Amino acid sequence: MQNIRIRVAGILVKDGQILLVRHEKIGKIYWLIPGGGVDFGESAEEALKREFREEVGLDIKVGKLVLVHDSIPPNRHRQVLNLYFLVTAEKFEIKVTPDAVLRDAKFYPLSEFSGMQVNPDIKKEIINGISKQWVESCQYLGNQWKD
């Protein structure tokens, strides 16, 4: 039996810039909204706080859930349920902890965000949410798997 992986991510915007982490995997470089997997017995909020501390050294406050989507490849060899929360921080000094795939993290102007290689590619939904101050309820985006 395969398990569904639950991944939480935090959308952190400061002064018109969004925090992204750079991953390198199998020779590919791409950017992600910071976050990671939820461990058994851990709440989504606890996991997101832990991931921010581990990846970028930031203590965050977790806000509302704004986006949800699946990542299921055509051969269905894995399944990830992605939950995106708004997050805030009082301090913004990033201390990246590199690991097997994490290489860097920094704030990027929202004007550059739309042209970046971000996985999954939900930049349009994030920019739309930010511009409308997330007034809509949480959106389910369906399966966002892209090769």
N, C-alpha and C. Protein backbone atom coordinates (compact mmCIF):
# COMPACT_ATOMS: atom_id res chain seq x y z
N MET A 1 0.84 -1.19 0.00
CA MET A 1 0.00 0.00 0.00
C MET A 1 0.88 1.24 0.00
N GLN A 2 0.58 2.16 -0.89
CA GLN A 2 1.30 3.43 -0.95
C GLN A 2 0.64 4.44 -0.01
N ASN A 3 1.44 5.31 0.54
CA ASN A 3 0.91 6.36 1.39
C ASN A 3 0.87 7.68 0.62
N ILE A 4 -0.06 8.53 0.99
CA ILE A 4 -0.12 9.87 0.43
C ILE A 4 0.80 10.75 1.27
N ARG A 5 1.67 11.47 0.61
CA ARG A 5 2.54 12.42 1.31
C ARG A 5 1.78 13.74 1.41
N ILE A 6 1.81 14.34 2.58
CA ILE A 6 1.20 15.65 2.77
C ILE A 6 2.33 16.66 2.88
N ARG A 7 2.30 17.67 2.02
CA ARG A 7 3.32 18.72 2.04
C ARG A 7 2.65 20.04 2.38
N VAL A 8 3.24 20.77 3.31
CA VAL A 8 2.76 22.09 3.68
C VAL A 8 3.76 23.12 3.16
N ALA A 9 3.25 24.28 2.78
CA ALA A 9 4.11 25.35 2.28
C ALA A 9 3.58 26.68 2.81
N GLY A 10 4.49 27.62 3.02
CA GLY A 10 4.12 28.91 3.57
C GLY A 10 4.43 30.05 2.62
N ILE A 11 3.42 30.82 2.28
CA ILE A 11 3.59 31.98 1.41
C ILE A 11 3.93 33.18 2.29
N LEU A 12 5.20 33.60 2.21
CA LEU A 12 5.69 34.71 3.02
C LEU A 12 6.05 35.87 2.09
N VAL A 13 5.32 36.97 2.21
CA VAL A 13 5.54 38.16 1.39
C VAL A 13 5.97 39.30 2.30
N LYS A 14 7.04 39.99 1.87
CA LYS A 14 7.56 41.13 2.63
C LYS A 14 7.94 42.23 1.64
N ASP A 15 7.35 43.40 1.79
CA ASP A 15 7.69 44.56 0.95
C ASP A 15 7.65 44.24 -0.54
N GLY A 16 6.58 43.57 -0.99
CA GLY A 16 6.43 43.27 -2.41
C GLY A 16 7.33 42.16 -2.92
N GLN A 17 7.89 41.38 -2.00
CA GLN A 17 8.77 40.27 -2.38
C GLN A 17 8.26 38.98 -1.74
N ILE A 18 8.50 37.86 -2.42
CA ILE A 18 8.06 36.56 -1.93
C ILE A 18 9.27 35.68 -1.64
N LEU A 19 9.22 34.94 -0.55
CA LEU A 19 10.32 34.05 -0.18
C LEU A 19 10.21 32.75 -0.97
N LEU A 20 11.32 32.39 -1.61
CA LEU A 20 11.41 31.14 -2.36
C LEU A 20 12.67 30.39 -1.96
N VAL A 21 12.62 29.06 -2.04
CA VAL A 21 13.81 28.24 -1.81
C VAL A 21 14.20 27.59 -3.13
N ARG A 22 15.52 27.50 -3.37
CA ARG A 22 16.03 26.92 -4.61
C ARG A 22 16.43 25.47 -4.37
N HIS A 23 15.91 24.60 -5.21
CA HIS A 23 16.23 23.18 -5.14
C HIS A 23 17.00 22.77 -6.39
N GLU A 24 17.89 21.81 -6.21
CA GLU A 24 18.58 21.15 -7.32
C GLU A 24 18.33 19.67 -7.18
N LYS A 25 17.80 19.07 -8.24
CA LYS A 25 17.47 17.65 -8.18
C LYS A 25 17.63 17.05 -9.57
N ILE A 26 18.41 16.02 -9.67
CA ILE A 26 18.64 15.31 -10.93
C ILE A 26 19.02 16.30 -12.03
N GLY A 27 19.92 17.22 -11.72
CA GLY A 27 20.40 18.19 -12.69
C GLY A 27 19.45 19.31 -13.03
N LYS A 28 18.30 19.37 -12.36
CA LYS A 28 17.34 20.44 -12.61
C LYS A 28 17.36 21.44 -11.44
N ILE A 29 17.24 22.72 -11.78
CA ILE A 29 17.17 23.77 -10.77
C ILE A 29 15.78 24.39 -10.85
N TYR A 30 15.13 24.52 -9.70
CA TYR A 30 13.81 25.13 -9.67
C TYR A 30 13.58 25.74 -8.29
N TRP A 31 12.56 26.58 -8.22
CA TRP A 31 12.20 27.28 -6.99
C TRP A 31 10.89 26.74 -6.45
N LEU A 32 10.76 26.78 -5.13
CA LEU A 32 9.56 26.33 -4.44
C LEU A 32 9.16 27.34 -3.38
N ILE A 33 7.89 27.31 -3.03
CA ILE A 33 7.44 28.00 -1.83
C ILE A 33 7.98 27.15 -0.67
N PRO A 34 8.62 27.75 0.33
CA PRO A 34 9.22 26.97 1.42
C PRO A 34 8.20 26.08 2.14
N GLY A 35 8.67 24.91 2.53
CA GLY A 35 7.82 23.97 3.25
C GLY A 35 8.37 22.57 3.15
N GLY A 36 7.54 21.60 3.48
CA GLY A 36 7.98 20.21 3.42
C GLY A 36 6.92 19.28 3.95
N GLY A 37 7.32 18.05 4.16
CA GLY A 37 6.41 17.00 4.54
C GLY A 37 5.96 17.07 5.99
N VAL A 38 4.73 16.63 6.20
CA VAL A 38 4.16 16.51 7.54
C VAL A 38 4.53 15.13 8.08
N ASP A 39 5.14 15.09 9.25
CA ASP A 39 5.48 13.82 9.89
C ASP A 39 4.27 13.26 10.62
N PHE A 40 4.25 11.94 10.78
CA PHE A 40 3.16 11.29 11.50
C PHE A 40 3.05 11.87 12.91
N GLY A 41 1.85 12.20 13.34
CA GLY A 41 1.61 12.75 14.67
C GLY A 41 1.85 14.24 14.78
N GLU A 42 2.15 14.89 13.68
CA GLU A 42 2.45 16.32 13.65
C GLU A 42 1.31 17.04 12.94
N SER A 43 0.88 18.17 13.47
CA SER A 43 -0.15 18.95 12.79
C SER A 43 0.48 19.68 11.60
N ALA A 44 -0.36 20.13 10.67
CA ALA A 44 0.13 20.89 9.52
C ALA A 44 0.86 22.15 9.99
N GLU A 45 0.31 22.82 10.99
CA GLU A 45 0.94 24.03 11.53
C GLU A 45 2.30 23.72 12.14
N GLU A 46 2.39 22.66 12.93
CA GLU A 46 3.67 22.28 13.54
C GLU A 46 4.70 21.96 12.46
N ALA A 47 4.28 21.23 11.44
CA ALA A 47 5.19 20.86 10.36
C ALA A 47 5.71 22.09 9.62
N LEU A 48 4.83 23.04 9.35
CA LEU A 48 5.24 24.23 8.62
C LEU A 48 6.22 25.07 9.44
N LYS A 49 5.96 25.22 10.72
CA LYS A 49 6.89 25.95 11.59
C LYS A 49 8.25 25.25 11.63
N ARG A 50 8.24 23.92 11.75
CA ARG A 50 9.49 23.16 11.78
C ARG A 50 10.25 23.32 10.47
N GLU A 51 9.55 23.19 9.35
CA GLU A 51 10.21 23.30 8.04
C GLU A 51 10.84 24.67 7.83
N PHE A 52 10.16 25.73 8.23
CA PHE A 52 10.74 27.08 8.10
C PHE A 52 11.98 27.22 8.97
N ARG A 53 11.93 26.69 10.20
CA ARG A 53 13.13 26.76 11.06
C ARG A 53 14.27 25.96 10.43
N GLU A 54 13.98 24.75 9.94
CA GLU A 54 15.02 23.90 9.37
C GLU A 54 15.59 24.46 8.07
N GLU A 55 14.74 24.93 7.18
CA GLU A 55 15.19 25.35 5.85
C GLU A 55 15.80 26.75 5.83
N VAL A 56 15.16 27.70 6.50
CA VAL A 56 15.58 29.09 6.36
C VAL A 56 15.82 29.81 7.69
N GLY A 57 15.71 29.09 8.80
CA GLY A 57 16.00 29.67 10.11
C GLY A 57 15.02 30.73 10.57
N LEU A 58 13.79 30.70 10.08
CA LEU A 58 12.80 31.71 10.46
C LEU A 58 11.72 31.10 11.35
N ASP A 59 11.33 31.87 12.37
CA ASP A 59 10.15 31.54 13.17
C ASP A 59 8.97 32.26 12.54
N ILE A 60 7.92 31.51 12.29
CA ILE A 60 6.76 32.07 11.59
C ILE A 60 5.50 31.89 12.40
N LYS A 61 4.52 32.68 12.02
CA LYS A 61 3.15 32.51 12.51
C LYS A 61 2.34 32.03 11.31
N VAL A 62 1.60 30.95 11.49
CA VAL A 62 0.82 30.35 10.40
C VAL A 62 -0.58 30.97 10.37
N GLY A 63 -0.95 31.46 9.19
CA GLY A 63 -2.26 32.06 8.99
C GLY A 63 -3.21 31.13 8.28
N LYS A 64 -4.04 31.70 7.43
CA LYS A 64 -5.11 30.92 6.81
C LYS A 64 -4.61 30.05 5.66
N LEU A 65 -5.31 28.94 5.47
CA LEU A 65 -5.09 28.03 4.36
C LEU A 65 -5.69 28.67 3.12
N VAL A 66 -4.87 28.82 2.03
CA VAL A 66 -5.37 29.54 0.85
C VAL A 66 -5.42 28.70 -0.42
N LEU A 67 -4.55 27.70 -0.55
CA LEU A 67 -4.53 26.87 -1.76
C LEU A 67 -4.29 25.41 -1.40
N VAL A 68 -4.93 24.52 -2.14
CA VAL A 68 -4.73 23.08 -1.97
C VAL A 68 -4.67 22.47 -3.37
N HIS A 69 -3.73 21.55 -3.57
CA HIS A 69 -3.71 20.81 -4.84
C HIS A 69 -3.01 19.47 -4.66
N ASP A 70 -3.29 18.59 -5.59
CA ASP A 70 -2.63 17.29 -5.65
C ASP A 70 -1.46 17.36 -6.61
N SER A 71 -0.50 16.46 -6.45
CA SER A 71 0.56 16.21 -7.44
C SER A 71 0.59 14.70 -7.63
N ILE A 72 0.01 14.25 -8.74
CA ILE A 72 -0.07 12.82 -9.04
C ILE A 72 0.42 12.62 -10.48
N PRO A 73 1.56 11.94 -10.67
CA PRO A 73 2.05 11.72 -12.03
C PRO A 73 1.16 10.72 -12.78
N PRO A 74 1.24 10.70 -14.11
CA PRO A 74 0.40 9.79 -14.90
C PRO A 74 0.55 8.32 -14.51
N ASN A 75 1.75 7.89 -14.14
CA ASN A 75 1.92 6.48 -13.76
C ASN A 75 1.51 6.19 -12.31
N ARG A 76 1.09 7.23 -11.60
CA ARG A 76 0.57 7.13 -10.24
C ARG A 76 1.51 6.43 -9.25
N HIS A 77 2.83 6.62 -9.47
CA HIS A 77 3.79 5.99 -8.56
C HIS A 77 3.95 6.74 -7.25
N ARG A 78 3.39 7.94 -7.18
CA ARG A 78 3.43 8.71 -5.93
C ARG A 78 2.26 9.68 -5.92
N GLN A 79 1.96 10.20 -4.73
CA GLN A 79 0.88 11.18 -4.60
C GLN A 79 1.23 12.13 -3.47
N VAL A 80 1.13 13.42 -3.76
CA VAL A 80 1.39 14.44 -2.76
C VAL A 80 0.17 15.36 -2.69
N LEU A 81 -0.31 15.61 -1.48
CA LEU A 81 -1.36 16.60 -1.24
C LEU A 81 -0.66 17.84 -0.69
N ASN A 82 -0.76 18.95 -1.40
CA ASN A 82 -0.07 20.19 -1.05
C ASN A 82 -1.03 21.19 -0.42
N LEU A 83 -0.65 21.71 0.73
CA LEU A 83 -1.45 22.70 1.46
C LEU A 83 -0.63 23.98 1.59
N TYR A 84 -1.16 25.10 1.11
CA TYR A 84 -0.46 26.38 1.15
C TYR A 84 -1.14 27.32 2.15
N PHE A 85 -0.34 27.81 3.08
CA PHE A 85 -0.82 28.72 4.12
C PHE A 85 -0.15 30.08 3.95
N LEU A 86 -0.85 31.13 4.35
CA LEU A 86 -0.20 32.43 4.49
C LEU A 86 0.60 32.39 5.79
N VAL A 87 1.80 32.94 5.78
CA VAL A 87 2.60 32.99 7.00
C VAL A 87 3.19 34.38 7.16
N THR A 88 3.48 34.72 8.40
CA THR A 88 4.14 35.99 8.71
C THR A 88 5.34 35.71 9.61
N ALA A 89 6.24 36.67 9.66
CA ALA A 89 7.42 36.57 10.52
C ALA A 89 7.74 37.95 11.07
N GLU A 90 8.36 37.96 12.22
CA GLU A 90 8.78 39.24 12.80
C GLU A 90 10.20 39.60 12.36
N LYS A 91 11.03 38.58 12.14
CA LYS A 91 12.40 38.79 11.68
C LYS A 91 12.56 38.08 10.34
N PHE A 92 13.40 38.66 9.47
CA PHE A 92 13.52 38.13 8.11
C PHE A 92 14.96 37.77 7.73
N GLU A 93 15.80 37.52 8.71
CA GLU A 93 17.19 37.14 8.43
C GLU A 93 17.24 35.65 8.09
N ILE A 94 17.45 35.37 6.82
CA ILE A 94 17.42 33.98 6.33
C ILE A 94 18.76 33.31 6.60
N LYS A 95 18.69 32.10 7.15
CA LYS A 95 19.87 31.26 7.37
C LYS A 95 19.59 29.91 6.74
N VAL A 96 20.03 29.74 5.49
CA VAL A 96 19.75 28.52 4.73
C VAL A 96 20.54 27.34 5.30
N THR A 97 19.85 26.22 5.46
CA THR A 97 20.48 24.98 5.88
C THR A 97 20.45 24.04 4.68
N PRO A 98 21.55 24.04 3.86
CA PRO A 98 21.55 23.18 2.66
C PRO A 98 21.39 21.71 3.03
N ASP A 99 20.71 20.97 2.15
CA ASP A 99 20.58 19.52 2.34
C ASP A 99 20.72 18.85 0.98
N ALA A 100 20.17 17.66 0.82
CA ALA A 100 20.33 16.90 -0.42
C ALA A 100 19.82 17.65 -1.65
N VAL A 101 18.80 18.50 -1.50
CA VAL A 101 18.26 19.24 -2.65
C VAL A 101 18.19 20.75 -2.43
N LEU A 102 18.06 21.19 -1.20
CA LEU A 102 17.95 22.63 -0.90
C LEU A 102 19.32 23.31 -1.06
N ARG A 103 19.35 24.38 -1.86
CA ARG A 103 20.61 25.08 -2.11
C ARG A 103 20.63 26.53 -1.67
N ASP A 104 19.47 27.19 -1.70
CA ASP A 104 19.45 28.63 -1.42
C ASP A 104 18.03 29.06 -1.10
N ALA A 105 17.91 30.27 -0.57
CA ALA A 105 16.60 30.87 -0.30
C ALA A 105 16.77 32.38 -0.30
N LYS A 106 15.81 33.07 -0.86
CA LYS A 106 15.82 34.53 -0.80
C LYS A 106 14.47 35.09 -1.21
N PHE A 107 14.32 36.37 -0.93
CA PHE A 107 13.11 37.08 -1.32
C PHE A 107 13.28 37.60 -2.74
N TYR A 108 12.25 37.38 -3.56
CA TYR A 108 12.24 37.85 -4.94
C TYR A 108 11.08 38.80 -5.15
N PRO A 109 11.31 39.87 -5.92
CA PRO A 109 10.20 40.79 -6.22
C PRO A 109 9.08 40.03 -6.93
N LEU A 110 7.86 40.35 -6.56
CA LEU A 110 6.71 39.71 -7.20
C LEU A 110 6.72 39.94 -8.71
N SER A 111 7.32 41.05 -9.15
CA SER A 111 7.40 41.33 -10.59
C SER A 111 8.27 40.30 -11.31
N GLU A 112 9.23 39.68 -10.64
CA GLU A 112 10.09 38.64 -11.23
C GLU A 112 9.49 37.25 -11.07
N PHE A 113 8.66 37.08 -10.05
CA PHE A 113 8.12 35.77 -9.69
C PHE A 113 7.40 35.09 -10.85
N SER A 114 6.62 35.85 -11.62
CA SER A 114 5.83 35.23 -12.69
C SER A 114 6.69 34.62 -13.78
N GLY A 115 7.94 35.06 -13.93
CA GLY A 115 8.82 34.52 -14.97
C GLY A 115 9.77 33.45 -14.50
N MET A 116 9.68 33.06 -13.24
CA MET A 116 10.62 32.08 -12.68
C MET A 116 10.13 30.65 -12.86
N GLN A 117 11.07 29.70 -12.83
CA GLN A 117 10.75 28.27 -12.89
C GLN A 117 10.38 27.83 -11.47
N VAL A 118 9.09 27.81 -11.18
CA VAL A 118 8.60 27.46 -9.85
C VAL A 118 7.78 26.17 -9.96
N ASN A 119 8.06 25.24 -9.07
CA ASN A 119 7.31 23.97 -9.06
C ASN A 119 6.52 23.86 -7.78
N PRO A 120 5.29 23.43 -7.85
CA PRO A 120 4.47 23.36 -9.05
C PRO A 120 4.18 24.77 -9.57
N ASP A 121 3.80 24.85 -10.82
CA ASP A 121 3.60 26.16 -11.44
C ASP A 121 2.22 26.71 -11.10
N ILE A 122 2.13 27.25 -9.89
CA ILE A 122 0.87 27.88 -9.45
C ILE A 122 1.11 29.37 -9.17
N LYS A 123 2.08 29.94 -9.91
CA LYS A 123 2.43 31.35 -9.73
C LYS A 123 1.23 32.26 -9.98
N LYS A 124 0.47 31.96 -11.04
CA LYS A 124 -0.70 32.79 -11.39
C LYS A 124 -1.68 32.85 -10.22
N GLU A 125 -1.95 31.70 -9.61
CA GLU A 125 -2.89 31.65 -8.49
C GLU A 125 -2.36 32.40 -7.27
N ILE A 126 -1.05 32.30 -7.05
CA ILE A 126 -0.44 33.00 -5.91
C ILE A 126 -0.47 34.51 -6.14
N ILE A 127 -0.07 34.94 -7.33
CA ILE A 127 -0.07 36.38 -7.64
C ILE A 127 -1.49 36.94 -7.56
N ASN A 128 -2.46 36.19 -8.09
CA ASN A 128 -3.86 36.62 -8.02
C ASN A 128 -4.32 36.73 -6.57
N GLY A 129 -3.98 35.75 -5.75
CA GLY A 129 -4.35 35.78 -4.34
C GLY A 129 -3.75 36.96 -3.61
N ILE A 130 -2.47 37.21 -3.87
CA ILE A 130 -1.78 38.34 -3.23
C ILE A 130 -2.43 39.66 -3.66
N SER A 131 -2.69 39.79 -4.97
CA SER A 131 -3.26 41.06 -5.46
C SER A 131 -4.66 41.32 -4.91
N LYS A 132 -5.40 40.24 -4.64
CA LYS A 132 -6.75 40.40 -4.09
C LYS A 132 -6.77 40.24 -2.57
N GLN A 133 -5.58 40.19 -1.97
CA GLN A 133 -5.42 40.03 -0.52
C GLN A 133 -6.15 38.81 0.02
N TRP A 134 -6.17 37.75 -0.79
CA TRP A 134 -6.72 36.45 -0.39
C TRP A 134 -8.12 36.57 0.17
N VAL A 135 -8.97 37.38 -0.48
CA VAL A 135 -10.34 37.54 0.02
C VAL A 135 -11.20 36.31 -0.27
N GLU A 136 -10.84 35.53 -1.30
CA GLU A 136 -11.62 34.34 -1.61
C GLU A 136 -11.32 33.24 -0.59
N SER A 137 -12.23 32.29 -0.50
CA SER A 137 -11.98 31.14 0.38
C SER A 137 -10.88 30.28 -0.25
N CYS A 138 -10.44 29.30 0.48
CA CYS A 138 -9.39 28.40 0.01
C CYS A 138 -9.78 27.80 -1.34
N GLN A 139 -8.83 27.78 -2.27
CA GLN A 139 -9.07 27.22 -3.60
C GLN A 139 -8.46 25.84 -3.72
N TYR A 140 -9.20 24.91 -4.32
CA TYR A 140 -8.65 23.60 -4.67
C TYR A 140 -8.31 23.64 -6.15
N LEU A 141 -7.05 23.38 -6.49
CA LEU A 141 -6.55 23.54 -7.85
C LEU A 141 -6.48 22.24 -8.65
N GLY A 142 -6.90 21.13 -8.05
CA GLY A 142 -6.85 19.85 -8.77
C GLY A 142 -5.44 19.30 -8.84
N ASN A 143 -5.19 18.42 -9.80
CA ASN A 143 -3.87 17.81 -9.97
C ASN A 143 -2.96 18.75 -10.75
N GLN A 144 -1.88 19.17 -10.14
CA GLN A 144 -0.95 20.11 -10.76
C GLN A 144 0.35 19.46 -11.21
N TRP A 145 0.35 18.14 -11.40
CA TRP A 145 1.57 17.45 -11.82
C TRP A 145 1.98 17.91 -13.21
N LYS A 146 3.26 18.29 -13.34
CA LYS A 146 3.87 18.61 -14.63
C LYS A 146 5.24 17.96 -14.63
N ASP A 147 5.64 17.39 -15.77
CA ASP A 147 6.99 16.80 -15.87
C ASP A 147 8.04 17.86 -15.90
